[in-house]
Amino acid sequence: MLEELLPGVWVIELNRLADERGFFQKTYLKEGFLDMGISFECMEEYYSISKKDVVRGMHFQTPPFDHAKLVYCPVGSVLDVLLDIRSGAGYGKTASIELRATQPLAVYMPPGIAHGFKALEDQTMMVYKTSTAYEPKNDAGIAWDSFGFEWDVSEPITSERDQSHPRFGVFKTPF
């Protein structure tokens, strides 16, 4: 199953095999993605663990180290949030989806999408696969509370880094 949230941003139903022991889930198969029309090759993978009401975002890398991402939530649940920062008609559009460990879903996003999430429960894990390696000089973000998205959280837990990102109204896109 594929569902397009924004142009080129896809919700992908992952292959999950379940039995009395639990389940086995495949999160990435290059040929399978190509069959869906998604060209993605993972160069780096990492994960985060978050408390309930942690808000992380809105993150991306700038060219020439911009990257596509594949994200999923194997433990807990999140409200996953996407902001289109590509020049053109879609600029500034948002989309969101709830990702839960109990549902075998992942989100693929091409370069030019700022990404963030709100953890909906304690000890939530998010896994990120990226098409380029982390490059500190190209690491960037937009203030999570500056683009009109309703996060529905009264006291978010955020990092100093995320609090220091520029506001969307003054942001100049490199995409």
C-alpha atoms as a PDB file:
ATOM      1  CA  MET A   1       0.000   0.000   0.000  1.00  0.00           C
ATOM      2  CA  LEU A   2       1.192   3.500  -0.869  1.00  0.00           C
ATOM      3  CA  GLU A   3      -0.430   6.777   0.152  1.00  0.00           C
ATOM      4  CA  GLU A   4       0.988  10.118  -0.959  1.00  0.00           C
ATOM      5  CA  LEU A   5       0.949  12.734   1.838  1.00  0.00           C
ATOM      6  CA  LEU A   6       2.737  15.486  -0.117  1.00  0.00           C
ATOM      7  CA  PRO A   7       4.235  15.269  -3.617  1.00  0.00           C
ATOM      8  CA  GLY A   8       6.861  12.517  -3.408  1.00  0.00           C
ATOM      9  CA  VAL A   9       6.186  11.835   0.301  1.00  0.00           C
ATOM     10  CA  TRP A  10       4.853   8.309   0.694  1.00  0.00           C
ATOM     11  CA  VAL A  11       3.323   6.276   3.497  1.00  0.00           C
ATOM     12  CA  ILE A  12       4.419   2.694   2.905  1.00  0.00           C
ATOM     13  CA  GLU A  13       2.829  -0.372   4.434  1.00  0.00           C
ATOM     14  CA  LEU A  14       5.712  -2.607   5.489  1.00  0.00           C
ATOM     15  CA  ASN A  15       5.737  -6.377   5.145  1.00  0.00           C
ATOM     16  CA  ARG A  16       4.983  -7.910   8.565  1.00  0.00           C
ATOM     17  CA  LEU A  17       4.798 -11.646   9.230  1.00  0.00           C
ATOM     18  CA  ALA A  18       3.089 -12.545  12.503  1.00  0.00           C
ATOM     19  CA  ASP A  19       2.546 -15.808  14.358  1.00  0.00           C
ATOM     20  CA  GLU A  20       2.249 -17.043  17.965  1.00  0.00           C
ATOM     21  CA  ARG A  21       5.834 -15.925  18.720  1.00  0.00           C
ATOM     22  CA  GLY A  22       5.249 -12.316  17.698  1.00  0.00           C
ATOM     23  CA  PHE A  23       6.212 -10.845  14.360  1.00  0.00           C
ATOM     24  CA  PHE A  24       9.037 -10.295  11.903  1.00  0.00           C
ATOM     25  CA  GLN A  25       9.050  -7.062   9.915  1.00  0.00           C
ATOM     26  CA  LYS A  26      11.077  -6.085   6.877  1.00  0.00           C
ATOM     27  CA  THR A  27      11.693  -2.323   6.813  1.00  0.00           C
ATOM     28  CA  TYR A  28      13.600  -1.897   3.562  1.00  0.00           C
ATOM     29  CA  LEU A  29      14.234  -3.808   0.338  1.00  0.00           C
ATOM     30  CA  LYS A  30      15.799  -1.772  -2.476  1.00  0.00           C
ATOM     31  CA  GLU A  31      14.098  -3.769  -5.225  1.00  0.00           C
ATOM     32  CA  GLY A  32      10.727  -3.512  -3.469  1.00  0.00           C
ATOM     33  CA  PHE A  33      11.045   0.252  -3.241  1.00  0.00           C
ATOM     34  CA  LEU A  34      12.036   0.456  -6.912  1.00  0.00           C
ATOM     35  CA  ASP A  35       8.923  -1.580  -7.761  1.00  0.00           C
ATOM     36  CA  MET A  36       6.881   1.128  -5.977  1.00  0.00           C
ATOM     37  CA  GLY A  37       8.662   3.843  -7.979  1.00  0.00           C
ATOM     38  CA  ILE A  38      10.836   4.993  -5.066  1.00  0.00           C
ATOM     39  CA  SER A  39      14.579   5.203  -5.670  1.00  0.00           C
ATOM     40  CA  PHE A  40      16.224   5.104  -2.229  1.00  0.00           C
ATOM     41  CA  GLU A  41      19.514   3.750  -1.001  1.00  0.00           C
ATOM     42  CA  CYS A  42      20.316   3.887   2.710  1.00  0.00           C
ATOM     43  CA  MET A  43      23.729   5.336   3.570  1.00  0.00           C
ATOM     44  CA  GLU A  44      23.173   5.865   7.309  1.00  0.00           C
ATOM     45  CA  GLU A  45      20.721   4.739   9.979  1.00  0.00           C
ATOM     46  CA  TYR A  46      20.091   5.992  13.492  1.00  0.00           C
ATOM     47  CA  TYR A  47      17.315   6.102  16.099  1.00  0.00           C
ATOM     48  CA  SER A  48      16.002   8.243  18.917  1.00  0.00           C
ATOM     49  CA  ILE A  49      14.193   7.417  22.155  1.00  0.00           C
ATOM     50  CA  SER A  50      11.785  10.074  23.435  1.00  0.00           C
ATOM     51  CA  LYS A  51       9.585  10.785  26.422  1.00  0.00           C
ATOM     52  CA  LYS A  52       5.914  11.629  25.950  1.00  0.00           C
ATOM     53  CA  ASP A  53       5.424  15.193  24.621  1.00  0.00           C
ATOM     54  CA  VAL A  54       8.961  15.481  23.253  1.00  0.00           C
ATOM     55  CA  VAL A  55       8.859  17.478  20.033  1.00  0.00           C
ATOM     56  CA  ARG A  56      11.799  17.011  17.675  1.00  0.00           C
ATOM     57  CA  GLY A  57      12.125  19.018  14.485  1.00  0.00           C
ATOM     58  CA  MET A  58      11.854  20.379  11.961  1.00  0.00           C
ATOM     59  CA  HIS A  59      15.083  18.884  10.564  1.00  0.00           C
ATOM     60  CA  PHE A  60      16.724  18.502   7.149  1.00  0.00           C
ATOM     61  CA  GLN A  61      20.133  18.723   5.484  1.00  0.00           C
ATOM     62  CA  THR A  62      20.948  21.345   2.864  1.00  0.00           C
ATOM     63  CA  PRO A  63      22.462  20.684  -0.566  1.00  0.00           C
ATOM     64  CA  PRO A  64      24.822  19.212  -1.574  1.00  0.00           C
ATOM     65  CA  PHE A  65      24.363  16.845   1.400  1.00  0.00           C
ATOM     66  CA  ASP A  66      20.558  16.914   1.325  1.00  0.00           C
ATOM     67  CA  HIS A  67      18.968  13.542   1.758  1.00  0.00           C
ATOM     68  CA  ALA A  68      15.903  11.425   1.413  1.00  0.00           C
ATOM     69  CA  LYS A  69      14.680   9.770   4.615  1.00  0.00           C
ATOM     70  CA  LEU A  70      12.742   6.681   5.525  1.00  0.00           C
ATOM     71  CA  VAL A  71      11.311   6.783   9.065  1.00  0.00           C
ATOM     72  CA  TYR A  72       9.285   4.380  11.162  1.00  0.00           C
ATOM     73  CA  CYS A  73       8.299   3.848  14.796  1.00  0.00           C
ATOM     74  CA  PRO A  74       9.104   0.360  16.143  1.00  0.00           C
ATOM     75  CA  VAL A  75       8.315   1.213  19.806  1.00  0.00           C
ATOM     76  CA  GLY A  76       5.570   3.528  21.055  1.00  0.00           C
ATOM     77  CA  SER A  77       3.860   6.081  18.833  1.00  0.00           C
ATOM     78  CA  VAL A  78       4.402   9.508  17.294  1.00  0.00           C
ATOM     79  CA  LEU A  79       2.621  12.218  15.422  1.00  0.00           C
ATOM     80  CA  ASP A  80       4.970  12.487  12.427  1.00  0.00           C
ATOM     81  CA  VAL A  81       5.014  15.941  10.806  1.00  0.00           C
ATOM     82  CA  LEU A  82       6.280  16.974   7.361  1.00  0.00           C
ATOM     83  CA  LEU A  83       6.807  20.466   5.934  1.00  0.00           C
ATOM     84  CA  ASP A  84       7.466  21.017   2.226  1.00  0.00           C
ATOM     85  CA  ILE A  85      10.367  23.472   1.850  1.00  0.00           C
ATOM     86  CA  ARG A  86      10.876  22.908  -1.891  1.00  0.00           C
ATOM     87  CA  SER A  87      10.444  25.970  -4.113  1.00  0.00           C
ATOM     88  CA  GLY A  88       7.193  25.879  -6.033  1.00  0.00           C
ATOM     89  CA  ALA A  89       3.467  25.462  -5.537  1.00  0.00           C
ATOM     90  CA  GLY A  90       3.813  23.052  -2.601  1.00  0.00           C
ATOM     91  CA  TYR A  91       6.093  25.323  -0.554  1.00  0.00           C
ATOM     92  CA  GLY A  92       4.869  25.579   3.044  1.00  0.00           C
ATOM     93  CA  LYS A  93       2.340  22.764   2.820  1.00  0.00           C
ATOM     94  CA  THR A  94       2.234  20.345   5.729  1.00  0.00           C
ATOM     95  CA  ALA A  95       1.126  16.788   6.303  1.00  0.00           C
ATOM     96  CA  SER A  96       1.066  14.529   9.328  1.00  0.00           C
ATOM     97  CA  ILE A  97       0.409  10.929  10.180  1.00  0.00           C
ATOM     98  CA  GLU A  98       0.376   8.889  13.363  1.00  0.00           C
ATOM     99  CA  LEU A  99       3.004   6.159  13.337  1.00  0.00           C
ATOM    100  CA  ARG A 100       2.626   3.335  15.882  1.00  0.00           C
ATOM    101  CA  ALA A 101       4.626   0.239  16.665  1.00  0.00           C
ATOM    102  CA  THR A 102       1.393  -1.729  16.265  1.00  0.00           C
ATOM    103  CA  GLN A 103       1.018  -0.665  12.614  1.00  0.00           C
ATOM    104  CA  PRO A 104       3.609  -1.637  10.010  1.00  0.00           C
ATOM    105  CA  LEU A 105       3.943   1.793   8.375  1.00  0.00           C
ATOM    106  CA  ALA A 106       6.921   3.889   7.283  1.00  0.00           C
ATOM    107  CA  VAL A 107       7.191   7.338   5.713  1.00  0.00           C
ATOM    108  CA  TYR A 108       9.534   8.053   2.814  1.00  0.00           C
ATOM    109  CA  MET A 109      10.411  11.689   2.128  1.00  0.00           C
ATOM    110  CA  PRO A 110      12.604  13.120  -0.642  1.00  0.00           C
ATOM    111  CA  PRO A 111      15.087  15.969  -0.135  1.00  0.00           C
ATOM    112  CA  GLY A 112      13.388  19.288   0.577  1.00  0.00           C
ATOM    113  CA  ILE A 113      11.046  18.030   3.269  1.00  0.00           C
ATOM    114  CA  ALA A 114      11.585  19.227   6.850  1.00  0.00           C
ATOM    115  CA  HIS A 115      10.728  16.461   9.304  1.00  0.00           C
ATOM    116  CA  GLY A 116       9.729  16.367  12.944  1.00  0.00           C
ATOM    117  CA  PHE A 117       7.507  14.518  15.369  1.00  0.00           C
ATOM    118  CA  LYS A 118       5.785  14.585  18.742  1.00  0.00           C
ATOM    119  CA  ALA A 119       6.144  11.476  20.918  1.00  0.00           C
ATOM    120  CA  LEU A 120       2.723  10.281  22.060  1.00  0.00           C
ATOM    121  CA  GLU A 121       4.030   7.996  24.813  1.00  0.00           C
ATOM    122  CA  ASP A 122       7.132   7.466  26.926  1.00  0.00           C
ATOM    123  CA  GLN A 123      10.062   5.467  25.552  1.00  0.00           C
ATOM    124  CA  THR A 124       8.998   5.973  21.947  1.00  0.00           C
ATOM    125  CA  MET A 125      11.622   4.944  19.403  1.00  0.00           C
ATOM    126  CA  MET A 126      11.963   6.428  15.933  1.00  0.00           C
ATOM    127  CA  VAL A 127      14.306   4.942  13.333  1.00  0.00           C
ATOM    128  CA  TYR A 128      15.691   7.076  10.508  1.00  0.00           C
ATOM    129  CA  LYS A 129      17.373   5.770   7.359  1.00  0.00           C
ATOM    130  CA  THR A 130      19.003   8.469   5.217  1.00  0.00           C
ATOM    131  CA  SER A 131      20.412   8.527   1.695  1.00  0.00           C
ATOM    132  CA  THR A 132      23.452  10.599   2.731  1.00  0.00           C
ATOM    133  CA  ALA A 133      25.586  10.649   5.854  1.00  0.00           C
ATOM    134  CA  TYR A 134      25.205  13.319   8.516  1.00  0.00           C
ATOM    135  CA  GLU A 135      27.097  16.474   7.610  1.00  0.00           C
ATOM    136  CA  PRO A 136      27.211  18.977  10.526  1.00  0.00           C
ATOM    137  CA  LYS A 137      27.759  22.025   8.255  1.00  0.00           C
ATOM    138  CA  ASN A 138      24.601  21.153   6.310  1.00  0.00           C
ATOM    139  CA  ASP A 139      22.466  20.203   9.292  1.00  0.00           C
ATOM    140  CA  ALA A 140      19.531  22.619   9.430  1.00  0.00           C
ATOM    141  CA  GLY A 141      16.045  23.136  10.753  1.00  0.00           C
ATOM    142  CA  ILE A 142      13.018  25.364  11.038  1.00  0.00           C
ATOM    143  CA  ALA A 143      11.388  26.294  14.354  1.00  0.00           C
ATOM    144  CA  TRP A 144       8.826  23.608  15.083  1.00  0.00           C
ATOM    145  CA  ASP A 145       6.176  26.108  16.200  1.00  0.00           C
ATOM    146  CA  SER A 146       6.548  28.647  13.366  1.00  0.00           C
ATOM    147  CA  PHE A 147       4.636  27.282  10.370  1.00  0.00           C
ATOM    148  CA  GLY A 148       1.041  27.055  11.571  1.00  0.00           C
ATOM    149  CA  PHE A 149       0.868  23.371  12.457  1.00  0.00           C
ATOM    150  CA  GLU A 150      -1.227  22.494  15.532  1.00  0.00           C
ATOM    151  CA  TRP A 151       0.921  20.155  17.645  1.00  0.00           C
ATOM    152  CA  ASP A 152      -1.684  19.805  20.416  1.00  0.00           C
ATOM    153  CA  VAL A 153       0.826  19.912  23.264  1.00  0.00           C
ATOM    154  CA  SER A 154       0.725  22.419  26.122  1.00  0.00           C
ATOM    155  CA  GLU A 155       4.224  21.866  27.505  1.00  0.00           C
ATOM    156  CA  PRO A 156       6.472  20.382  24.799  1.00  0.00           C
ATOM    157  CA  ILE A 157       9.903  19.079  25.682  1.00  0.00           C
ATOM    158  CA  THR A 158      12.345  20.444  23.108  1.00  0.00           C
ATOM    159  CA  SER A 159      16.104  20.797  22.739  1.00  0.00           C
ATOM    160  CA  GLU A 160      18.054  24.054  22.762  1.00  0.00           C
ATOM    161  CA  ARG A 161      19.023  23.270  19.185  1.00  0.00           C
ATOM    162  CA  ASP A 162      15.400  22.968  18.068  1.00  0.00           C
ATOM    163  CA  GLN A 163      14.509  26.178  19.914  1.00  0.00           C
ATOM    164  CA  SER A 164      17.256  28.035  18.019  1.00  0.00           C
ATOM    165  CA  HIS A 165      16.139  27.176  14.462  1.00  0.00           C
ATOM    166  CA  PRO A 166      14.945  30.128  12.332  1.00  0.00           C
ATOM    167  CA  ARG A 167      11.224  30.801  12.080  1.00  0.00           C
ATOM    168  CA  PHE A 168       9.510  29.729   8.881  1.00  0.00           C
ATOM    169  CA  GLY A 169       8.583  33.325   7.988  1.00  0.00           C
ATOM    170  CA  VAL A 170      12.254  34.338   7.623  1.00  0.00           C
ATOM    171  CA  PHE A 171      13.520  31.020   6.244  1.00  0.00           C
ATOM    172  CA  LYS A 172      15.092  31.081   2.755  1.00  0.00           C
ATOM    173  CA  THR A 173      14.887  27.688   1.078  1.00  0.00           C
ATOM    174  CA  PRO A 174      17.950  26.182  -0.619  1.00  0.00           C
ATOM    175  CA  PHE A 175      15.704  23.667  -2.435  1.00  0.00           C
END
